């Protein structure tokens, strides 16, 4: 999936309080992400909080042909889906907040560009992790190493369960890439994620249910 991200830093409410110990100010990061939606299946993610809401009809107001969107309810281990028809529009509603991955099934026979706009969430965010399958993403649009593989490289701190597997999806080739974790052996390869992409996590054993917290500020991750 060809992905382009532009994040524009905007200072909102300039430095307003200065003391001998600290300066207090507010920062918002707004921008857009362009995603290429290939023919067939695409595993993507909305990583910007849209001021108009994160309903599927707001995020994807139109498509060149029939489009199916599938999210996954990790708590109940089941899919939810809505469908777009160029003549009829969407047949239902679905909220796709930052941190949720989702499948787009493009039936139009042609690629198109999906542009997501909104604000990057700063500060500390937490995703709930369930035993079994979940379809998630980074809350913040970043590329990089998902978890600690013991080599000291910067990573996003994904906390694996005792037996864990991560599945990313290559829309251009219509295939999965997977990374497996075992408490005794560690990761069999380095799990990486990209801007605008979701991924499956399959969690079992000790630590399968839990949470994943990250802190992102303008100065870094």
N, C-alpha and C. Protein backbone atom coordinates (compact mmCIF):
# COMPACT_ATOMS: atom_id res chain seq x y z
N UNK A 1 0.84 -1.19 0.00
CA UNK A 1 0.00 0.00 0.00
C UNK A 1 0.87 1.24 0.00
N UNK A 2 0.73 2.04 -1.04
CA UNK A 2 1.48 3.28 -1.07
C UNK A 2 0.81 4.26 -0.12
N UNK A 3 1.57 4.78 0.82
CA UNK A 3 1.01 5.63 1.87
C UNK A 3 1.79 6.91 1.94
N UNK A 4 1.07 8.04 2.02
CA UNK A 4 1.72 9.33 2.20
C UNK A 4 1.06 10.02 3.37
N UNK A 5 1.84 10.53 4.30
CA UNK A 5 1.30 11.23 5.47
C UNK A 5 1.92 12.60 5.55
N UNK A 6 1.08 13.60 5.84
CA UNK A 6 1.56 14.96 6.07
C UNK A 6 0.95 15.43 7.36
N UNK A 7 1.78 15.76 8.34
CA UNK A 7 1.32 16.21 9.64
C UNK A 7 1.77 17.64 9.83
N UNK A 8 0.82 18.52 10.02
CA UNK A 8 1.10 19.94 10.16
C UNK A 8 0.96 20.33 11.62
N UNK A 9 2.04 20.83 12.22
CA UNK A 9 1.99 21.24 13.62
C UNK A 9 1.39 22.63 13.71
N UNK A 10 0.40 22.76 14.57
CA UNK A 10 -0.25 24.06 14.78
C UNK A 10 -0.30 24.36 16.26
N UNK A 11 0.24 25.49 16.63
CA UNK A 11 0.20 25.91 18.03
C UNK A 11 -1.16 26.55 18.29
N UNK A 12 -1.91 25.97 19.19
CA UNK A 12 -3.26 26.46 19.51
C UNK A 12 -3.23 27.03 20.93
N UNK A 13 -3.57 28.30 21.05
CA UNK A 13 -3.56 28.95 22.36
C UNK A 13 -2.14 29.13 22.84
N UNK A 14 -1.41 30.08 22.28
CA UNK A 14 0.03 30.27 22.50
C UNK A 14 0.36 30.27 23.98
N UNK A 15 1.67 30.13 24.27
CA UNK A 15 2.13 30.01 25.65
C UNK A 15 1.41 31.00 26.54
N UNK A 16 0.70 30.46 27.52
CA UNK A 16 -0.22 31.31 28.27
C UNK A 16 0.15 31.46 29.73
N UNK A 17 0.97 30.57 30.23
CA UNK A 17 1.28 30.64 31.65
C UNK A 17 2.76 30.36 31.84
N UNK A 18 3.48 31.29 32.40
CA UNK A 18 4.90 31.12 32.61
C UNK A 18 5.20 31.31 34.10
N UNK A 19 5.92 30.38 34.67
CA UNK A 19 6.32 30.51 36.06
C UNK A 19 7.81 30.21 36.14
N UNK A 20 8.36 30.24 37.34
CA UNK A 20 9.78 29.95 37.49
C UNK A 20 10.07 28.48 37.24
N UNK A 21 9.02 27.62 37.23
CA UNK A 21 9.24 26.19 37.10
C UNK A 21 8.82 25.63 35.75
N UNK A 22 7.82 26.22 35.08
CA UNK A 22 7.30 25.56 33.88
C UNK A 22 6.62 26.55 32.96
N UNK A 23 6.51 26.15 31.68
CA UNK A 23 5.70 26.85 30.70
C UNK A 23 4.57 25.91 30.30
N UNK A 24 3.36 26.42 30.20
CA UNK A 24 2.20 25.62 29.85
C UNK A 24 1.69 26.12 28.52
N UNK A 25 1.50 25.19 27.56
CA UNK A 25 0.99 25.58 26.26
C UNK A 25 0.24 24.39 25.66
N UNK A 26 -0.48 24.63 24.59
CA UNK A 26 -1.26 23.59 23.93
C UNK A 26 -0.78 23.42 22.50
N UNK A 27 -0.68 22.17 22.05
CA UNK A 27 -0.24 21.87 20.70
C UNK A 27 -1.21 20.89 20.05
N UNK A 28 -1.67 21.21 18.84
CA UNK A 28 -2.45 20.28 18.04
C UNK A 28 -1.68 19.96 16.77
N UNK A 29 -1.73 18.72 16.32
CA UNK A 29 -1.13 18.31 15.06
C UNK A 29 -2.26 17.86 14.15
N UNK A 30 -2.45 18.55 13.05
CA UNK A 30 -3.51 18.18 12.11
C UNK A 30 -2.89 17.92 10.75
N UNK A 31 -3.57 17.13 9.95
CA UNK A 31 -3.02 16.83 8.64
C UNK A 31 -3.84 15.79 7.91
N UNK A 32 -3.19 15.04 7.01
CA UNK A 32 -3.91 14.05 6.23
C UNK A 32 -3.02 12.84 5.96
N UNK A 33 -3.66 11.73 5.63
CA UNK A 33 -2.98 10.51 5.21
C UNK A 33 -3.63 10.05 3.91
N UNK A 34 -2.84 9.83 2.88
CA UNK A 34 -3.33 9.27 1.62
C UNK A 34 -3.02 7.78 1.57
N UNK A 35 -4.05 6.97 1.39
CA UNK A 35 -3.90 5.52 1.30
C UNK A 35 -4.32 5.04 -0.08
N UNK A 36 -3.50 4.22 -0.71
CA UNK A 36 -3.91 3.56 -1.94
C UNK A 36 -4.74 2.34 -1.59
N UNK A 37 -5.98 2.31 -2.08
CA UNK A 37 -6.85 1.16 -1.86
C UNK A 37 -6.82 0.31 -3.12
N UNK A 38 -6.17 -0.85 -3.00
CA UNK A 38 -5.99 -1.74 -4.14
C UNK A 38 -7.26 -2.52 -4.44
N UNK A 39 -7.32 -3.11 -5.61
CA UNK A 39 -8.40 -4.03 -5.93
C UNK A 39 -8.34 -5.22 -4.96
N UNK A 40 -9.45 -5.59 -4.41
CA UNK A 40 -9.47 -6.69 -3.46
C UNK A 40 -9.37 -6.21 -2.02
N UNK A 41 -8.63 -6.94 -1.20
CA UNK A 41 -8.58 -6.69 0.24
C UNK A 41 -7.46 -5.71 0.60
N UNK A 42 -7.76 -4.83 1.56
CA UNK A 42 -6.81 -3.85 2.08
C UNK A 42 -7.01 -3.76 3.59
N UNK A 43 -5.95 -3.94 4.34
CA UNK A 43 -6.03 -3.86 5.80
C UNK A 43 -5.45 -2.51 6.22
N UNK A 44 -6.33 -1.59 6.60
CA UNK A 44 -5.94 -0.20 6.81
C UNK A 44 -6.37 0.27 8.20
N UNK A 45 -6.14 1.55 8.48
CA UNK A 45 -6.50 2.10 9.78
C UNK A 45 -6.69 3.60 9.65
N UNK A 46 -7.64 4.11 10.40
CA UNK A 46 -7.79 5.56 10.56
C UNK A 46 -6.97 5.98 11.77
N UNK A 47 -5.94 6.78 11.58
CA UNK A 47 -5.08 7.21 12.69
C UNK A 47 -5.16 8.72 12.93
N UNK A 48 -6.23 9.34 12.44
CA UNK A 48 -6.46 10.77 12.66
C UNK A 48 -7.88 10.95 13.18
N UNK A 49 -8.04 11.76 14.20
CA UNK A 49 -9.35 12.00 14.79
C UNK A 49 -10.05 13.11 14.01
N UNK A 50 -11.06 12.76 13.24
CA UNK A 50 -11.75 13.70 12.38
C UNK A 50 -12.72 14.55 13.21
N UNK A 51 -12.64 15.86 13.06
CA UNK A 51 -13.48 16.76 13.86
C UNK A 51 -14.97 16.57 13.55
N UNK A 52 -15.28 16.04 12.36
CA UNK A 52 -16.68 15.79 11.98
C UNK A 52 -17.16 14.42 12.45
N UNK A 53 -16.29 13.66 13.08
CA UNK A 53 -16.63 12.33 13.55
C UNK A 53 -15.91 11.26 12.76
N UNK A 54 -15.82 10.06 13.33
CA UNK A 54 -15.09 8.97 12.71
C UNK A 54 -16.01 7.88 12.19
N UNK A 55 -17.23 8.26 11.81
CA UNK A 55 -18.13 7.31 11.18
C UNK A 55 -17.61 6.99 9.78
N UNK A 56 -17.87 5.78 9.32
CA UNK A 56 -17.36 5.34 8.03
C UNK A 56 -17.82 6.24 6.89
N UNK A 57 -19.04 6.77 6.97
CA UNK A 57 -19.55 7.63 5.89
C UNK A 57 -18.83 8.97 5.85
N UNK A 58 -18.28 9.41 6.99
CA UNK A 58 -17.49 10.64 7.03
C UNK A 58 -16.08 10.38 6.51
N UNK A 59 -15.50 9.26 6.92
CA UNK A 59 -14.14 8.93 6.53
C UNK A 59 -14.05 8.52 5.07
N UNK A 60 -15.07 7.80 4.58
CA UNK A 60 -15.08 7.32 3.19
C UNK A 60 -16.41 7.75 2.57
N UNK A 61 -16.54 9.02 2.19
CA UNK A 61 -17.82 9.50 1.67
C UNK A 61 -18.21 8.89 0.33
N UNK A 62 -17.23 8.43 -0.44
CA UNK A 62 -17.54 7.84 -1.75
C UNK A 62 -16.43 6.89 -2.16
N UNK A 63 -16.71 6.05 -3.14
CA UNK A 63 -15.74 5.12 -3.71
C UNK A 63 -16.15 4.89 -5.16
N UNK A 64 -15.22 4.45 -6.01
CA UNK A 64 -15.54 4.29 -7.43
C UNK A 64 -16.46 3.11 -7.74
N UNK A 65 -16.70 2.26 -6.76
CA UNK A 65 -17.56 1.10 -6.95
C UNK A 65 -17.95 0.51 -5.61
N UNK A 66 -18.46 -0.69 -5.62
CA UNK A 66 -18.88 -1.35 -4.39
C UNK A 66 -17.69 -1.54 -3.46
N UNK A 67 -17.92 -1.28 -2.18
CA UNK A 67 -16.86 -1.35 -1.18
C UNK A 67 -17.43 -1.95 0.10
N UNK A 68 -16.75 -2.94 0.65
CA UNK A 68 -17.13 -3.50 1.94
C UNK A 68 -16.12 -3.11 2.99
N UNK A 69 -16.59 -2.74 4.18
CA UNK A 69 -15.71 -2.40 5.30
C UNK A 69 -16.01 -3.36 6.45
N UNK A 70 -14.95 -3.99 6.97
CA UNK A 70 -15.07 -5.00 8.01
C UNK A 70 -14.19 -4.61 9.20
N UNK A 71 -14.80 -4.38 10.35
CA UNK A 71 -14.06 -4.20 11.59
C UNK A 71 -14.21 -5.48 12.41
N UNK A 72 -13.45 -5.57 13.50
CA UNK A 72 -13.50 -6.80 14.31
C UNK A 72 -13.70 -6.45 15.76
N UNK A 73 -14.67 -7.09 16.38
CA UNK A 73 -15.01 -6.90 17.78
C UNK A 73 -14.21 -7.91 18.60
N UNK A 74 -13.08 -7.46 19.17
CA UNK A 74 -12.24 -8.38 19.92
C UNK A 74 -12.89 -8.92 21.17
N UNK A 75 -13.75 -8.13 21.80
CA UNK A 75 -14.41 -8.56 23.04
C UNK A 75 -15.33 -9.75 22.77
N UNK A 76 -15.99 -9.74 21.61
CA UNK A 76 -16.95 -10.81 21.27
C UNK A 76 -16.46 -11.72 20.16
N UNK A 77 -15.24 -11.48 19.67
CA UNK A 77 -14.61 -12.32 18.65
C UNK A 77 -15.52 -12.50 17.43
N UNK A 78 -15.89 -11.37 16.83
CA UNK A 78 -16.73 -11.44 15.64
C UNK A 78 -16.54 -10.19 14.78
N UNK A 79 -16.83 -10.33 13.49
CA UNK A 79 -16.75 -9.21 12.55
C UNK A 79 -18.04 -8.40 12.59
N UNK A 80 -17.89 -7.11 12.29
CA UNK A 80 -19.00 -6.23 11.94
C UNK A 80 -18.70 -5.69 10.55
N UNK A 81 -19.73 -5.48 9.73
CA UNK A 81 -19.44 -4.96 8.40
C UNK A 81 -20.56 -4.06 7.89
N UNK A 82 -20.17 -3.13 7.05
CA UNK A 82 -21.09 -2.27 6.32
C UNK A 82 -20.63 -2.23 4.87
N UNK A 83 -21.56 -1.85 3.98
CA UNK A 83 -21.26 -1.89 2.55
C UNK A 83 -21.66 -0.59 1.87
N UNK A 84 -20.84 -0.20 0.89
CA UNK A 84 -21.10 1.01 0.11
C UNK A 84 -21.50 0.64 -1.30
N UNK A 85 -22.55 1.29 -1.80
CA UNK A 85 -22.97 1.17 -3.18
C UNK A 85 -22.97 2.56 -3.79
N UNK A 86 -22.36 2.76 -4.96
CA UNK A 86 -22.28 4.11 -5.54
C UNK A 86 -23.63 4.78 -5.73
N UNK A 87 -24.69 4.01 -5.92
CA UNK A 87 -26.02 4.58 -6.12
C UNK A 87 -26.79 4.74 -4.81
N UNK A 88 -26.57 3.83 -3.88
CA UNK A 88 -27.38 3.81 -2.65
C UNK A 88 -26.65 4.37 -1.43
N UNK A 89 -25.32 4.50 -1.51
CA UNK A 89 -24.54 4.95 -0.36
C UNK A 89 -24.29 3.80 0.60
N UNK A 90 -24.07 4.14 1.86
CA UNK A 90 -23.76 3.14 2.90
C UNK A 90 -25.04 2.51 3.42
N UNK A 91 -24.97 1.21 3.71
CA UNK A 91 -26.15 0.50 4.22
C UNK A 91 -26.21 0.45 5.74
N UNK A 92 -25.28 1.11 6.41
CA UNK A 92 -25.27 1.14 7.86
C UNK A 92 -24.21 2.10 8.37
N UNK A 93 -24.03 2.12 9.67
CA UNK A 93 -23.04 2.99 10.29
C UNK A 93 -21.97 2.15 10.99
N UNK A 94 -20.79 2.71 11.07
CA UNK A 94 -19.69 2.06 11.77
C UNK A 94 -18.70 3.14 12.18
N UNK A 95 -18.27 3.12 13.43
CA UNK A 95 -17.28 4.07 13.91
C UNK A 95 -15.90 3.44 13.85
N UNK A 96 -14.95 4.17 13.27
CA UNK A 96 -13.58 3.69 13.09
C UNK A 96 -12.63 4.70 13.73
N UNK A 97 -12.40 4.54 15.02
CA UNK A 97 -11.57 5.47 15.76
C UNK A 97 -10.09 5.12 15.62
N UNK A 98 -9.20 6.09 15.86
CA UNK A 98 -7.77 5.78 15.88
C UNK A 98 -7.48 4.62 16.84
N UNK A 99 -6.69 3.67 16.37
CA UNK A 99 -6.41 2.46 17.14
C UNK A 99 -7.17 1.25 16.66
N UNK A 100 -8.14 1.44 15.74
CA UNK A 100 -8.88 0.35 15.15
C UNK A 100 -8.36 0.08 13.74
N UNK A 101 -8.05 -1.17 13.45
CA UNK A 101 -7.79 -1.55 12.08
C UNK A 101 -9.09 -2.01 11.44
N UNK A 102 -9.12 -1.99 10.10
CA UNK A 102 -10.32 -2.48 9.41
C UNK A 102 -9.95 -2.90 7.99
N UNK A 103 -10.71 -3.83 7.46
CA UNK A 103 -10.55 -4.26 6.08
C UNK A 103 -11.43 -3.43 5.17
N UNK A 104 -10.88 -3.01 4.04
CA UNK A 104 -11.65 -2.49 2.91
C UNK A 104 -11.58 -3.53 1.80
N UNK A 105 -12.75 -3.99 1.34
CA UNK A 105 -12.78 -4.91 0.21
C UNK A 105 -13.27 -4.14 -1.00
N UNK A 106 -12.33 -3.82 -1.89
CA UNK A 106 -12.59 -2.97 -3.04
C UNK A 106 -13.03 -3.83 -4.22
N UNK A 107 -14.33 -3.74 -4.56
CA UNK A 107 -14.88 -4.55 -5.65
C UNK A 107 -14.97 -3.77 -6.96
N UNK A 108 -14.45 -2.55 -6.99
CA UNK A 108 -14.65 -1.69 -8.16
C UNK A 108 -13.82 -2.10 -9.37
N UNK A 109 -12.77 -2.90 -9.15
CA UNK A 109 -11.91 -3.26 -10.26
C UNK A 109 -10.82 -2.26 -10.55
N UNK A 110 -10.72 -1.19 -9.73
CA UNK A 110 -9.67 -0.20 -9.93
C UNK A 110 -9.19 0.32 -8.58
N UNK A 111 -7.92 0.71 -8.53
CA UNK A 111 -7.38 1.34 -7.33
C UNK A 111 -7.97 2.74 -7.17
N UNK A 112 -8.02 3.20 -5.92
CA UNK A 112 -8.36 4.59 -5.69
C UNK A 112 -7.63 5.07 -4.44
N UNK A 113 -7.57 6.37 -4.27
CA UNK A 113 -6.89 6.97 -3.12
C UNK A 113 -7.91 7.38 -2.08
N UNK A 114 -7.72 6.89 -0.87
CA UNK A 114 -8.54 7.29 0.27
C UNK A 114 -7.75 8.31 1.08
N UNK A 115 -8.30 9.50 1.26
CA UNK A 115 -7.64 10.54 2.03
C UNK A 115 -8.34 10.69 3.38
N UNK A 116 -7.59 10.44 4.44
CA UNK A 116 -8.08 10.60 5.80
C UNK A 116 -7.54 11.90 6.36
N UNK A 117 -8.39 12.68 6.99
CA UNK A 117 -7.97 13.97 7.56
C UNK A 117 -8.36 14.03 9.03
N UNK A 118 -7.61 14.82 9.78
CA UNK A 118 -7.96 14.99 11.19
C UNK A 118 -6.75 15.33 12.04
N UNK A 119 -6.90 15.08 13.31
CA UNK A 119 -5.91 15.48 14.31
C UNK A 119 -5.25 14.26 14.93
N UNK A 120 -3.93 14.34 15.10
CA UNK A 120 -3.18 13.29 15.79
C UNK A 120 -3.44 13.39 17.29
N UNK A 121 -3.71 12.27 17.90
CA UNK A 121 -3.93 12.25 19.35
C UNK A 121 -2.57 12.26 20.07
N UNK A 122 -2.42 13.21 20.97
CA UNK A 122 -1.19 13.32 21.74
C UNK A 122 -1.46 12.93 23.19
N UNK A 123 -0.38 12.78 23.94
CA UNK A 123 -0.51 12.33 25.32
C UNK A 123 -0.53 10.81 25.39
N UNK A 124 -1.12 10.26 26.42
CA UNK A 124 -1.15 8.82 26.64
C UNK A 124 -2.47 8.23 26.14
N UNK A 125 -2.38 7.20 25.32
CA UNK A 125 -3.55 6.49 24.82
C UNK A 125 -3.42 5.02 25.20
N UNK A 126 -4.55 4.35 25.40
CA UNK A 126 -4.55 2.95 25.82
C UNK A 126 -5.53 2.15 24.99
N UNK A 127 -5.07 1.02 24.46
CA UNK A 127 -5.93 0.07 23.77
C UNK A 127 -6.13 -1.16 24.64
N UNK A 128 -7.36 -1.65 24.71
CA UNK A 128 -7.65 -2.89 25.41
C UNK A 128 -7.28 -4.07 24.52
N UNK A 129 -6.59 -5.06 25.08
CA UNK A 129 -6.19 -6.26 24.35
C UNK A 129 -6.94 -7.46 24.93
N UNK A 130 -7.48 -8.28 24.05
CA UNK A 130 -8.31 -9.42 24.45
C UNK A 130 -7.60 -10.74 24.14
N UNK A 131 -8.01 -11.78 24.83
CA UNK A 131 -7.58 -13.11 24.45
C UNK A 131 -8.21 -13.46 23.10
N UNK A 132 -7.42 -14.02 22.20
CA UNK A 132 -7.93 -14.34 20.88
C UNK A 132 -7.52 -13.29 19.86
N UNK A 133 -8.40 -13.07 18.89
CA UNK A 133 -8.10 -12.17 17.78
C UNK A 133 -8.50 -10.74 18.09
N UNK A 134 -7.74 -9.80 17.59
CA UNK A 134 -8.12 -8.39 17.55
C UNK A 134 -7.52 -7.74 16.32
N UNK A 135 -8.25 -6.78 15.79
CA UNK A 135 -7.82 -6.05 14.60
C UNK A 135 -7.61 -4.61 15.02
N UNK A 136 -6.33 -4.21 15.15
CA UNK A 136 -5.99 -2.94 15.78
C UNK A 136 -4.94 -2.21 14.94
N UNK A 137 -4.49 -1.07 15.43
CA UNK A 137 -3.43 -0.31 14.79
C UNK A 137 -2.76 0.56 15.84
N UNK A 138 -1.67 1.18 15.47
CA UNK A 138 -1.17 2.27 16.29
C UNK A 138 -2.22 3.37 16.31
N UNK A 139 -2.36 4.06 17.43
CA UNK A 139 -3.28 5.20 17.51
C UNK A 139 -2.71 6.37 16.72
N UNK A 140 -1.40 6.50 16.73
CA UNK A 140 -0.69 7.62 16.09
C UNK A 140 -0.09 7.15 14.77
N UNK A 141 -0.16 7.94 13.69
CA UNK A 141 0.40 7.52 12.41
C UNK A 141 1.93 7.54 12.40
N UNK A 142 2.52 6.36 12.61
CA UNK A 142 3.97 6.22 12.63
C UNK A 142 4.37 4.91 11.96
N UNK A 143 5.56 4.90 11.38
CA UNK A 143 6.19 3.68 10.86
C UNK A 143 7.21 3.21 11.88
N UNK A 144 7.38 1.90 11.99
CA UNK A 144 8.48 1.44 12.82
C UNK A 144 8.28 0.05 13.39
N UNK A 145 9.15 -0.29 14.31
CA UNK A 145 9.18 -1.60 14.95
C UNK A 145 8.10 -1.67 16.02
N UNK A 146 7.27 -2.68 15.94
CA UNK A 146 6.11 -2.77 16.82
C UNK A 146 6.47 -3.12 18.25
N UNK A 147 7.39 -4.07 18.43
CA UNK A 147 7.66 -4.61 19.77
C UNK A 147 9.17 -4.72 19.99
N UNK A 148 9.52 -4.93 21.26
CA UNK A 148 10.91 -5.09 21.65
C UNK A 148 11.39 -6.49 21.29
N UNK A 149 12.42 -6.58 20.45
CA UNK A 149 12.96 -7.89 20.09
C UNK A 149 14.30 -8.14 20.78
N UNK A 150 14.65 -7.26 21.72
CA UNK A 150 15.85 -7.48 22.51
C UNK A 150 17.12 -6.94 21.92
N UNK A 151 17.01 -6.16 20.83
CA UNK A 151 18.24 -5.63 20.22
C UNK A 151 18.47 -4.17 20.54
N UNK A 152 17.64 -3.60 21.41
CA UNK A 152 17.81 -2.22 21.80
C UNK A 152 17.24 -1.21 20.82
N UNK A 153 16.60 -1.66 19.75
CA UNK A 153 16.06 -0.74 18.76
C UNK A 153 14.81 -0.03 19.30
N UNK A 154 14.58 1.22 18.88
CA UNK A 154 13.35 1.90 19.26
C UNK A 154 12.14 1.11 18.79
N UNK A 155 11.11 1.05 19.61
CA UNK A 155 9.92 0.30 19.24
C UNK A 155 8.71 0.91 19.92
N UNK A 156 7.52 0.44 19.52
CA UNK A 156 6.28 1.01 20.01
C UNK A 156 5.73 0.31 21.25
N UNK A 157 6.48 -0.62 21.80
CA UNK A 157 6.14 -1.19 23.10
C UNK A 157 4.94 -2.10 23.14
N UNK A 158 4.60 -2.73 22.00
CA UNK A 158 3.50 -3.70 22.03
C UNK A 158 3.84 -4.82 23.01
N UNK A 159 2.93 -5.13 23.97
CA UNK A 159 3.22 -6.16 24.98
C UNK A 159 2.69 -7.52 24.54
N UNK A 160 3.53 -8.43 24.07
CA UNK A 160 3.03 -9.72 23.60
C UNK A 160 2.53 -10.60 24.74
N UNK A 161 1.57 -11.46 24.42
CA UNK A 161 1.15 -12.49 25.36
C UNK A 161 2.16 -13.63 25.30
N UNK A 162 1.94 -14.68 26.11
CA UNK A 162 2.89 -15.79 26.16
C UNK A 162 3.07 -16.45 24.80
N UNK A 163 1.98 -16.59 24.06
CA UNK A 163 2.01 -17.05 22.67
C UNK A 163 1.28 -16.01 21.85
N UNK A 164 1.99 -15.37 20.96
CA UNK A 164 1.43 -14.23 20.25
C UNK A 164 1.80 -14.32 18.77
N UNK A 165 0.91 -13.81 17.94
CA UNK A 165 1.19 -13.74 16.51
C UNK A 165 0.63 -12.43 15.97
N UNK A 166 1.41 -11.76 15.14
CA UNK A 166 1.01 -10.51 14.48
C UNK A 166 0.91 -10.79 12.98
N UNK A 167 -0.20 -10.34 12.39
CA UNK A 167 -0.42 -10.52 10.95
C UNK A 167 -0.67 -9.16 10.32
N UNK A 168 0.24 -8.75 9.43
CA UNK A 168 0.02 -7.57 8.60
C UNK A 168 -0.41 -8.05 7.22
N UNK A 169 -0.91 -7.12 6.40
CA UNK A 169 -1.44 -7.53 5.10
C UNK A 169 -0.91 -6.62 4.01
N UNK A 170 -0.42 -7.22 2.94
CA UNK A 170 0.11 -6.49 1.80
C UNK A 170 -0.98 -6.42 0.73
N UNK A 171 -1.62 -5.24 0.61
CA UNK A 171 -2.72 -5.10 -0.32
C UNK A 171 -2.29 -5.21 -1.77
N UNK A 172 -1.07 -4.77 -2.08
CA UNK A 172 -0.59 -4.84 -3.46
C UNK A 172 -0.42 -6.28 -3.91
N UNK A 173 0.00 -7.16 -2.99
CA UNK A 173 0.24 -8.57 -3.32
C UNK A 173 -0.88 -9.48 -2.84
N UNK A 174 -1.85 -8.91 -2.07
CA UNK A 174 -2.97 -9.69 -1.54
C UNK A 174 -2.48 -10.89 -0.73
N UNK A 175 -1.62 -10.59 0.26
CA UNK A 175 -1.13 -11.67 1.10
C UNK A 175 -0.74 -11.14 2.48
N UNK A 176 -0.72 -12.06 3.44
CA UNK A 176 -0.32 -11.74 4.81
C UNK A 176 1.20 -11.90 4.99
N UNK A 177 1.75 -11.11 5.92
CA UNK A 177 3.05 -11.36 6.51
C UNK A 177 2.80 -11.58 7.99
N UNK A 178 3.51 -12.52 8.61
CA UNK A 178 3.25 -12.78 10.02
C UNK A 178 4.53 -12.89 10.83
N UNK A 179 4.38 -12.58 12.12
CA UNK A 179 5.48 -12.56 13.08
C UNK A 179 4.99 -13.30 14.33
N UNK A 180 5.81 -14.21 14.86
CA UNK A 180 5.37 -15.06 15.96
C UNK A 180 6.26 -14.87 17.19
N UNK A 181 5.59 -14.93 18.36
CA UNK A 181 6.30 -14.73 19.62
C UNK A 181 6.05 -15.90 20.56
N UNK A 182 7.09 -16.31 21.25
CA UNK A 182 7.02 -17.33 22.30
C UNK A 182 7.86 -16.84 23.47
N UNK A 183 7.37 -17.02 24.70
CA UNK A 183 8.10 -16.49 25.85
C UNK A 183 9.51 -17.07 25.96
N UNK A 184 9.71 -18.30 25.51
CA UNK A 184 11.02 -18.92 25.61
C UNK A 184 11.93 -18.53 24.44
N UNK A 185 11.35 -18.37 23.26
CA UNK A 185 12.15 -18.14 22.06
C UNK A 185 12.18 -16.69 21.62
N UNK A 186 11.23 -15.88 22.11
CA UNK A 186 11.12 -14.49 21.66
C UNK A 186 10.45 -14.42 20.29
N UNK A 187 10.69 -13.34 19.57
CA UNK A 187 10.11 -13.14 18.24
C UNK A 187 10.91 -13.89 17.19
N UNK A 188 10.22 -14.51 16.23
CA UNK A 188 10.93 -15.22 15.17
C UNK A 188 11.44 -14.27 14.09
N UNK A 189 10.88 -13.05 14.03
CA UNK A 189 11.36 -11.98 13.16
C UNK A 189 10.82 -10.67 13.72
N UNK A 190 11.35 -9.58 13.24
CA UNK A 190 11.01 -8.28 13.82
C UNK A 190 9.68 -7.76 13.28
N UNK A 191 8.66 -7.60 14.13
CA UNK A 191 7.37 -7.10 13.64
C UNK A 191 7.43 -5.60 13.38
N UNK A 192 6.99 -5.19 12.20
CA UNK A 192 7.00 -3.77 11.83
C UNK A 192 5.62 -3.37 11.35
N UNK A 193 5.30 -2.10 11.53
CA UNK A 193 4.01 -1.56 11.09
C UNK A 193 4.26 -0.29 10.29
N UNK A 194 3.25 0.10 9.50
CA UNK A 194 3.37 1.28 8.65
C UNK A 194 2.20 2.23 8.91
N UNK A 195 2.40 3.49 8.54
CA UNK A 195 1.36 4.50 8.65
C UNK A 195 0.12 4.06 7.87
N UNK A 196 -1.03 4.19 8.50
CA UNK A 196 -2.29 3.91 7.82
C UNK A 196 -2.63 2.45 7.69
N UNK A 197 -1.88 1.57 8.35
CA UNK A 197 -2.16 0.14 8.26
C UNK A 197 -2.59 -0.42 9.61
N UNK A 198 -3.58 -1.31 9.57
CA UNK A 198 -3.95 -2.08 10.74
C UNK A 198 -3.24 -3.42 10.73
N UNK A 199 -3.42 -4.18 11.80
CA UNK A 199 -2.86 -5.52 11.87
C UNK A 199 -3.69 -6.39 12.81
N UNK A 200 -3.65 -7.69 12.56
CA UNK A 200 -4.27 -8.66 13.47
C UNK A 200 -3.26 -9.05 14.54
N UNK A 201 -3.74 -9.21 15.76
CA UNK A 201 -2.97 -9.83 16.83
C UNK A 201 -3.76 -11.03 17.33
N UNK A 202 -3.10 -12.17 17.46
CA UNK A 202 -3.70 -13.38 18.01
C UNK A 202 -2.98 -13.69 19.31
N UNK A 203 -3.69 -13.53 20.43
CA UNK A 203 -3.08 -13.59 21.75
C UNK A 203 -3.62 -14.79 22.53
N UNK A 204 -2.69 -15.53 23.18
CA UNK A 204 -3.10 -16.66 24.01
C UNK A 204 -2.07 -16.88 25.11
N UNK A 205 -2.47 -17.64 26.12
CA UNK A 205 -1.58 -17.90 27.24
C UNK A 205 -1.53 -16.74 28.21
N UNK A 206 -0.51 -16.73 29.05
CA UNK A 206 -0.37 -15.69 30.08
C UNK A 206 -0.30 -14.32 29.43
N UNK A 207 -1.04 -13.36 30.01
CA UNK A 207 -1.01 -11.99 29.52
C UNK A 207 -1.84 -11.76 28.28
N UNK A 208 -2.69 -12.73 27.92
CA UNK A 208 -3.49 -12.57 26.69
C UNK A 208 -4.44 -11.40 26.80
N UNK A 209 -5.05 -11.21 27.96
CA UNK A 209 -5.93 -10.06 28.18
C UNK A 209 -5.14 -8.98 28.91
N UNK A 210 -5.26 -7.78 28.45
CA UNK A 210 -4.50 -6.69 29.08
C UNK A 210 -4.74 -5.38 28.37
N UNK A 211 -3.70 -4.57 28.32
CA UNK A 211 -3.83 -3.27 27.67
C UNK A 211 -2.47 -2.86 27.11
N UNK A 212 -2.52 -1.91 26.20
CA UNK A 212 -1.31 -1.39 25.55
C UNK A 212 -1.38 0.12 25.60
N UNK A 213 -0.52 0.72 26.40
CA UNK A 213 -0.50 2.18 26.57
C UNK A 213 0.75 2.75 25.92
N UNK A 214 0.56 3.87 25.23
CA UNK A 214 1.68 4.60 24.64
C UNK A 214 1.50 6.08 24.90
N UNK A 215 2.62 6.79 24.98
CA UNK A 215 2.59 8.24 25.13
C UNK A 215 3.28 8.86 23.94
N UNK A 216 2.57 9.74 23.24
CA UNK A 216 3.13 10.45 22.10
C UNK A 216 3.00 11.95 22.33
N UNK A 217 4.11 12.65 22.17
CA UNK A 217 4.14 14.08 22.25
C UNK A 217 4.80 14.63 20.98
N UNK A 218 4.65 15.89 20.73
CA UNK A 218 5.17 16.49 19.51
C UNK A 218 6.67 16.30 19.40
N UNK A 219 7.36 16.24 20.51
CA UNK A 219 8.81 16.13 20.49
C UNK A 219 9.30 14.73 20.16
N UNK A 220 8.39 13.73 20.13
CA UNK A 220 8.83 12.37 19.83
C UNK A 220 7.79 11.36 20.22
N UNK A 221 8.17 10.04 20.26
CA UNK A 221 7.19 9.00 20.54
C UNK A 221 7.26 8.51 21.96
